Amino acid sequence: MKNTLILKVDPENLEMDKITIAANVIRNGGLVAFPTETVYGLGVDALNAEAVKRMYMVKMRPLDNPTIVHVSRISDVYRLSVEVP
């Protein structure tokens, strides 16, 4: 098991060094847990198959149960999707 790093982030005073650490974890195939308004989310690189498999394993989620992918631009939806209604 990998080491766990806890970074406390104040949304009113973002520290870019902490954001960079989290981004590097994701870039390197790791998982980042983060709070939302209602639940904790797990962030991974959606284009990294091994990271996605690890996320499913950690969540004990069936592989046939789709997950959400957040994108930064609407054009990414068309690039990453098989079908857009």
N, C-alpha and C. Protein backbone atom coordinates (compact mmCIF):
# COMPACT_ATOMS: atom_id res chain seq x y z
N MET A 1 0.85 -1.19 0.00
CA MET A 1 0.00 0.00 0.00
C MET A 1 0.89 1.25 0.00
N LYS A 2 0.45 2.23 -0.73
CA LYS A 2 1.20 3.49 -0.81
C LYS A 2 0.95 4.33 0.43
N ASN A 3 1.83 5.28 0.64
CA ASN A 3 1.65 6.21 1.76
C ASN A 3 0.50 7.16 1.47
N THR A 4 -0.17 7.56 2.52
CA THR A 4 -1.26 8.52 2.40
C THR A 4 -0.74 9.89 2.81
N LEU A 5 -1.03 10.88 2.00
CA LEU A 5 -0.65 12.26 2.29
C LEU A 5 -1.92 13.07 2.46
N ILE A 6 -2.04 13.76 3.56
CA ILE A 6 -3.20 14.60 3.81
C ILE A 6 -2.79 16.06 3.67
N LEU A 7 -3.46 16.74 2.74
CA LEU A 7 -3.20 18.17 2.51
C LEU A 7 -4.46 18.94 2.87
N LYS A 8 -4.37 19.82 3.82
CA LYS A 8 -5.52 20.65 4.19
C LYS A 8 -5.50 21.88 3.30
N VAL A 9 -6.62 22.08 2.60
CA VAL A 9 -6.72 23.19 1.65
C VAL A 9 -7.85 24.11 2.08
N ASP A 10 -7.55 25.37 2.20
CA ASP A 10 -8.55 26.38 2.54
C ASP A 10 -9.08 26.97 1.24
N PRO A 11 -10.36 26.75 0.92
CA PRO A 11 -10.90 27.26 -0.34
C PRO A 11 -10.84 28.79 -0.45
N GLU A 12 -10.72 29.46 0.68
CA GLU A 12 -10.62 30.92 0.67
C GLU A 12 -9.19 31.40 0.46
N ASN A 13 -8.23 30.49 0.60
CA ASN A 13 -6.82 30.87 0.47
C ASN A 13 -6.05 29.68 -0.14
N LEU A 14 -6.25 29.47 -1.44
CA LEU A 14 -5.63 28.32 -2.11
C LEU A 14 -4.12 28.44 -2.15
N GLU A 15 -3.47 27.36 -1.80
CA GLU A 15 -2.01 27.30 -1.86
C GLU A 15 -1.62 26.44 -3.06
N MET A 16 -1.04 27.07 -4.07
CA MET A 16 -0.74 26.37 -5.31
C MET A 16 0.21 25.20 -5.13
N ASP A 17 1.07 25.23 -4.14
CA ASP A 17 1.98 24.10 -3.94
C ASP A 17 1.19 22.83 -3.58
N LYS A 18 0.12 22.98 -2.81
CA LYS A 18 -0.71 21.82 -2.46
C LYS A 18 -1.52 21.34 -3.66
N ILE A 19 -2.03 22.27 -4.45
CA ILE A 19 -2.77 21.92 -5.66
C ILE A 19 -1.85 21.19 -6.63
N THR A 20 -0.62 21.65 -6.74
CA THR A 20 0.37 21.02 -7.63
C THR A 20 0.68 19.61 -7.18
N ILE A 21 0.81 19.40 -5.89
CA ILE A 21 1.07 18.05 -5.36
C ILE A 21 -0.07 17.11 -5.75
N ALA A 22 -1.31 17.55 -5.54
CA ALA A 22 -2.46 16.71 -5.88
C ALA A 22 -2.52 16.43 -7.38
N ALA A 23 -2.24 17.45 -8.18
CA ALA A 23 -2.24 17.27 -9.64
C ALA A 23 -1.17 16.27 -10.06
N ASN A 24 -0.01 16.32 -9.44
CA ASN A 24 1.06 15.38 -9.76
C ASN A 24 0.70 13.95 -9.37
N VAL A 25 0.00 13.79 -8.25
CA VAL A 25 -0.47 12.46 -7.85
C VAL A 25 -1.37 11.89 -8.94
N ILE A 26 -2.30 12.70 -9.42
CA ILE A 26 -3.21 12.26 -10.48
C ILE A 26 -2.44 11.97 -11.76
N ARG A 27 -1.55 12.87 -12.16
CA ARG A 27 -0.75 12.67 -13.38
C ARG A 27 0.06 11.37 -13.33
N ASN A 28 0.48 10.98 -12.13
CA ASN A 28 1.30 9.78 -11.96
C ASN A 28 0.46 8.53 -11.70
N GLY A 29 -0.83 8.61 -11.94
CA GLY A 29 -1.70 7.44 -11.82
C GLY A 29 -2.28 7.20 -10.45
N GLY A 30 -2.13 8.17 -9.55
CA GLY A 30 -2.64 8.02 -8.20
C GLY A 30 -4.07 8.49 -8.05
N LEU A 31 -4.61 8.30 -6.86
CA LEU A 31 -5.96 8.72 -6.52
C LEU A 31 -5.90 9.87 -5.54
N VAL A 32 -6.82 10.81 -5.68
CA VAL A 32 -6.94 11.94 -4.76
C VAL A 32 -8.38 11.98 -4.25
N ALA A 33 -8.53 11.95 -2.94
CA ALA A 33 -9.86 12.08 -2.32
C ALA A 33 -10.09 13.55 -1.99
N PHE A 34 -11.32 13.99 -2.19
CA PHE A 34 -11.64 15.40 -1.92
C PHE A 34 -13.10 15.52 -1.51
N PRO A 35 -13.39 16.46 -0.62
CA PRO A 35 -14.78 16.65 -0.20
C PRO A 35 -15.56 17.47 -1.23
N THR A 36 -16.83 17.13 -1.37
CA THR A 36 -17.75 17.95 -2.16
C THR A 36 -18.83 18.43 -1.19
N GLU A 37 -19.91 19.00 -1.72
CA GLU A 37 -20.97 19.49 -0.85
C GLU A 37 -21.66 18.36 -0.10
N THR A 38 -21.68 17.15 -0.69
CA THR A 38 -22.47 16.06 -0.09
C THR A 38 -21.68 14.80 0.24
N VAL A 39 -20.62 14.51 -0.51
CA VAL A 39 -19.86 13.27 -0.32
C VAL A 39 -18.38 13.56 -0.57
N TYR A 40 -17.56 12.55 -0.34
CA TYR A 40 -16.16 12.63 -0.75
C TYR A 40 -16.05 12.03 -2.14
N GLY A 41 -15.27 12.66 -3.00
CA GLY A 41 -15.03 12.14 -4.33
C GLY A 41 -13.63 11.55 -4.43
N LEU A 42 -13.43 10.70 -5.42
CA LEU A 42 -12.11 10.18 -5.74
C LEU A 42 -11.75 10.68 -7.14
N GLY A 43 -10.63 11.36 -7.24
CA GLY A 43 -10.19 11.87 -8.52
C GLY A 43 -9.03 11.06 -9.06
N VAL A 44 -9.13 10.71 -10.36
CA VAL A 44 -8.05 10.02 -11.06
C VAL A 44 -8.00 10.58 -12.48
N ASP A 45 -6.95 10.23 -13.20
CA ASP A 45 -6.85 10.56 -14.61
C ASP A 45 -7.76 9.59 -15.36
N ALA A 46 -8.87 10.08 -15.90
CA ALA A 46 -9.84 9.23 -16.57
C ALA A 46 -9.29 8.57 -17.83
N LEU A 47 -8.16 9.06 -18.33
CA LEU A 47 -7.55 8.47 -19.52
C LEU A 47 -6.46 7.45 -19.16
N ASN A 48 -6.25 7.22 -17.88
CA ASN A 48 -5.26 6.26 -17.40
C ASN A 48 -6.02 5.01 -16.94
N ALA A 49 -6.01 3.96 -17.77
CA ALA A 49 -6.81 2.76 -17.50
C ALA A 49 -6.45 2.13 -16.16
N GLU A 50 -5.18 2.09 -15.81
CA GLU A 50 -4.78 1.49 -14.53
C GLU A 50 -5.31 2.30 -13.35
N ALA A 51 -5.28 3.63 -13.46
CA ALA A 51 -5.79 4.48 -12.38
C ALA A 51 -7.30 4.29 -12.23
N VAL A 52 -8.00 4.17 -13.34
CA VAL A 52 -9.45 3.97 -13.29
C VAL A 52 -9.76 2.61 -12.66
N LYS A 53 -9.02 1.56 -13.04
CA LYS A 53 -9.22 0.23 -12.43
C LYS A 53 -8.98 0.29 -10.92
N ARG A 54 -7.93 1.01 -10.51
CA ARG A 54 -7.63 1.14 -9.09
C ARG A 54 -8.76 1.85 -8.35
N MET A 55 -9.33 2.90 -8.98
CA MET A 55 -10.43 3.62 -8.37
C MET A 55 -11.63 2.68 -8.16
N TYR A 56 -11.94 1.88 -9.18
CA TYR A 56 -13.05 0.93 -9.05
C TYR A 56 -12.78 -0.06 -7.93
N MET A 57 -11.54 -0.53 -7.83
CA MET A 57 -11.18 -1.49 -6.79
C MET A 57 -11.33 -0.86 -5.40
N VAL A 58 -10.80 0.36 -5.23
CA VAL A 58 -10.87 1.04 -3.93
C VAL A 58 -12.31 1.28 -3.53
N LYS A 59 -13.15 1.65 -4.49
CA LYS A 59 -14.55 1.93 -4.18
C LYS A 59 -15.39 0.65 -4.10
N MET A 60 -14.78 -0.49 -4.48
CA MET A 60 -15.51 -1.76 -4.57
C MET A 60 -16.75 -1.59 -5.47
N ARG A 61 -16.53 -0.89 -6.58
CA ARG A 61 -17.59 -0.59 -7.52
C ARG A 61 -17.54 -1.61 -8.66
N PRO A 62 -18.66 -2.19 -9.07
CA PRO A 62 -18.65 -3.13 -10.20
C PRO A 62 -18.15 -2.43 -11.47
N LEU A 63 -17.36 -3.15 -12.24
CA LEU A 63 -16.78 -2.56 -13.45
C LEU A 63 -17.83 -2.18 -14.50
N ASP A 64 -19.02 -2.75 -14.41
CA ASP A 64 -20.06 -2.40 -15.37
C ASP A 64 -20.94 -1.24 -14.91
N ASN A 65 -20.54 -0.60 -13.80
CA ASN A 65 -21.27 0.56 -13.28
C ASN A 65 -20.49 1.82 -13.65
N PRO A 66 -20.96 2.57 -14.65
CA PRO A 66 -20.20 3.74 -15.12
C PRO A 66 -19.98 4.79 -14.04
N THR A 67 -18.98 5.60 -14.26
CA THR A 67 -18.65 6.67 -13.33
C THR A 67 -18.68 8.01 -14.05
N ILE A 68 -18.59 9.07 -13.32
CA ILE A 68 -18.62 10.43 -13.87
C ILE A 68 -17.21 10.84 -14.27
N VAL A 69 -17.12 11.54 -15.39
CA VAL A 69 -15.86 12.16 -15.81
C VAL A 69 -16.12 13.66 -15.95
N HIS A 70 -15.35 14.45 -15.22
CA HIS A 70 -15.47 15.90 -15.32
C HIS A 70 -14.49 16.40 -16.38
N VAL A 71 -14.93 17.34 -17.19
CA VAL A 71 -14.08 17.90 -18.24
C VAL A 71 -14.03 19.41 -18.08
N SER A 72 -12.99 20.01 -18.65
CA SER A 72 -12.84 21.46 -18.50
C SER A 72 -13.45 22.24 -19.66
N ARG A 73 -13.66 21.59 -20.79
CA ARG A 73 -14.24 22.27 -21.95
C ARG A 73 -15.32 21.39 -22.57
N ILE A 74 -16.36 22.02 -23.11
CA ILE A 74 -17.44 21.26 -23.74
C ILE A 74 -16.90 20.44 -24.91
N SER A 75 -15.88 20.91 -25.59
CA SER A 75 -15.32 20.16 -26.71
C SER A 75 -14.73 18.82 -26.25
N ASP A 76 -14.31 18.74 -24.99
CA ASP A 76 -13.79 17.48 -24.45
C ASP A 76 -14.87 16.41 -24.40
N VAL A 77 -16.10 16.81 -24.18
CA VAL A 77 -17.21 15.85 -24.14
C VAL A 77 -17.28 15.10 -25.47
N TYR A 78 -17.21 15.82 -26.56
CA TYR A 78 -17.31 15.20 -27.88
C TYR A 78 -16.07 14.37 -28.20
N ARG A 79 -14.93 14.79 -27.72
CA ARG A 79 -13.68 14.05 -27.97
C ARG A 79 -13.63 12.76 -27.17
N LEU A 80 -14.22 12.74 -25.98
CA LEU A 80 -14.10 11.59 -25.09
C LEU A 80 -15.31 10.66 -25.08
N SER A 81 -16.41 11.08 -25.69
CA SER A 81 -17.65 10.29 -25.63
C SER A 81 -17.87 9.47 -26.89
N VAL A 82 -18.54 8.35 -26.70
CA VAL A 82 -18.94 7.53 -27.83
C VAL A 82 -20.18 8.14 -28.48
N GLU A 83 -21.08 8.62 -27.62
CA GLU A 83 -22.32 9.20 -28.12
C GLU A 83 -22.73 10.34 -27.21
N VAL A 84 -23.13 11.46 -27.80
CA VAL A 84 -23.61 12.61 -27.04
C VAL A 84 -25.05 12.86 -27.47
N PRO A 85 -25.99 12.73 -26.53
CA PRO A 85 -27.41 12.92 -26.90
C PRO A 85 -27.71 14.35 -27.31
